[in-house]
Each structure stands twice: as structure tokens, then as C-alpha cells.
């Protein structure tokens, strides 16, 4: 899962709590996939709320990447090519 194409891993996503991009990614990989779970663990989103959209977008990107990795592609895992 590399949601860091143009964003450094140490980028602060929530300035109120100091939560970084890599912290959110690691928590996501550990199974904390909702905004509420991330907020409870880190304190992000619970301050001014200015980071809510950015964190939601990051979680959506991580979920999309996870789905791409876990979905077999045609020709892989015994799936026939179309």
C-alpha cells in the first residue's frame, strides 16, 4: 500500500494531534479502517476538524489500493483471461 506518491510519510495530516500520514497508514494496515477508529486512536479529527476531508480521502485511497491488491486479476490465481 503506497499512498505516498507525492506525499511524504512524515506529512502531518492533523495539526491538532500531530498525526502523520505514516501513522494513519500503519493503523489502517492494522485494521483500523474507519475515521472514527483513527480518531479514537490518534486524536485526529477531534480538534478543529480541518483534517477530516484529507484523512477521509487518504483512507479511501488506502481502501482502493487494498482492494486492488486483494482482487485477483484475469490470468492470475487460475482466473481465465477474458
Protein backbone atom coordinates (compact mmCIF):
# COMPACT_ATOMS: atom_id res chain seq x y z
CA UNK A 1 0.00 0.00 0.00
CA UNK A 2 1.82 3.08 -1.16
CA UNK A 3 -0.39 6.12 -0.70
CA UNK A 4 2.74 8.27 -0.70
CA UNK A 5 3.18 9.07 -4.40
CA UNK A 6 3.55 12.82 -3.88
CA UNK A 7 3.10 12.99 -0.12
CA UNK A 8 5.94 12.31 2.30
CA UNK A 9 5.22 9.72 5.00
CA UNK A 10 6.02 12.24 7.74
CA UNK A 11 3.48 14.76 6.40
CA UNK A 12 1.30 15.92 9.28
CA UNK A 13 -2.32 15.17 8.40
CA UNK A 14 -3.81 16.58 11.62
CA UNK A 15 -2.04 19.55 13.11
CA UNK A 16 -4.16 19.49 16.28
CA UNK A 17 -2.96 15.99 17.24
CA UNK A 18 0.26 15.85 15.19
CA UNK A 19 -0.92 12.70 13.41
CA UNK A 20 1.18 11.89 10.36
CA UNK A 21 0.39 10.15 7.10
CA UNK A 22 2.51 7.11 8.02
CA UNK A 23 0.74 6.74 11.39
CA UNK A 24 -2.62 6.62 9.63
CA UNK A 25 -1.32 4.17 7.05
CA UNK A 26 0.07 1.85 9.74
CA UNK A 27 -3.17 1.95 11.71
CA UNK A 28 -5.11 1.18 8.52
CA UNK A 29 -2.86 -1.80 7.86
CA UNK A 30 -3.56 -2.98 11.43
CA UNK A 31 -7.29 -2.95 10.72
CA UNK A 32 -8.34 0.50 11.91
CA UNK A 33 -10.06 1.47 8.68
CA UNK A 34 -12.71 3.97 9.78
CA UNK A 35 -12.44 7.67 10.52
CA UNK A 36 -13.87 7.01 13.99
CA UNK A 37 -11.26 4.35 14.79
CA UNK A 38 -8.40 6.56 13.56
CA UNK A 39 -9.77 9.49 15.56
CA UNK A 40 -10.11 7.46 18.76
CA UNK A 41 -6.56 6.11 18.46
CA UNK A 42 -4.78 9.31 17.41
CA UNK A 43 -6.99 12.23 18.39
CA UNK A 44 -7.08 13.32 14.75
CA UNK A 45 -10.33 14.89 13.52
CA UNK A 46 -11.43 15.59 17.11
CA UNK A 47 -9.89 19.06 17.31
CA UNK A 48 -10.78 21.69 14.73
CA UNK A 49 -11.92 19.16 12.11
CA UNK A 50 -9.87 20.78 9.35
CA UNK A 51 -8.17 17.48 8.50
CA UNK A 52 -11.37 15.46 8.10
CA UNK A 53 -11.55 15.60 4.29
CA UNK A 54 -7.85 14.88 3.80
CA UNK A 55 -7.91 11.89 6.13
CA UNK A 56 -11.13 10.59 4.55
CA UNK A 57 -9.52 10.85 1.12
CA UNK A 58 -6.42 9.03 2.32
CA UNK A 59 -8.49 6.22 3.86
CA UNK A 60 -10.43 5.88 0.60
CA UNK A 61 -7.18 5.66 -1.37
CA UNK A 62 -5.81 3.05 1.01
CA UNK A 63 -9.03 1.03 0.76
CA UNK A 64 -8.94 1.21 -3.05
CA UNK A 65 -5.31 0.08 -3.09
CA UNK A 66 -6.09 -2.76 -0.68
CA UNK A 67 -8.97 -3.88 -2.88
CA UNK A 68 -6.77 -3.82 -6.00
CA UNK A 69 -4.16 -5.97 -4.26
CA UNK A 70 -6.68 -8.48 -2.93
CA UNK A 71 -8.78 -8.78 -6.10
CA UNK A 72 -7.43 -11.42 -8.50
CA UNK A 73 -6.74 -10.13 -11.98
CA UNK A 74 -7.62 -12.13 -15.10
CA UNK A 75 -4.88 -14.68 -15.76
CA UNK A 76 -3.87 -14.79 -12.08
CA UNK A 77 -4.92 -17.26 -9.44
CA UNK A 78 -6.48 -19.56 -12.00
CA UNK A 79 -8.78 -16.87 -13.37
CA UNK A 80 -9.20 -17.19 -17.16
CA UNK A 81 -8.31 -14.30 -19.42
CA UNK A 82 -11.36 -12.65 -20.99
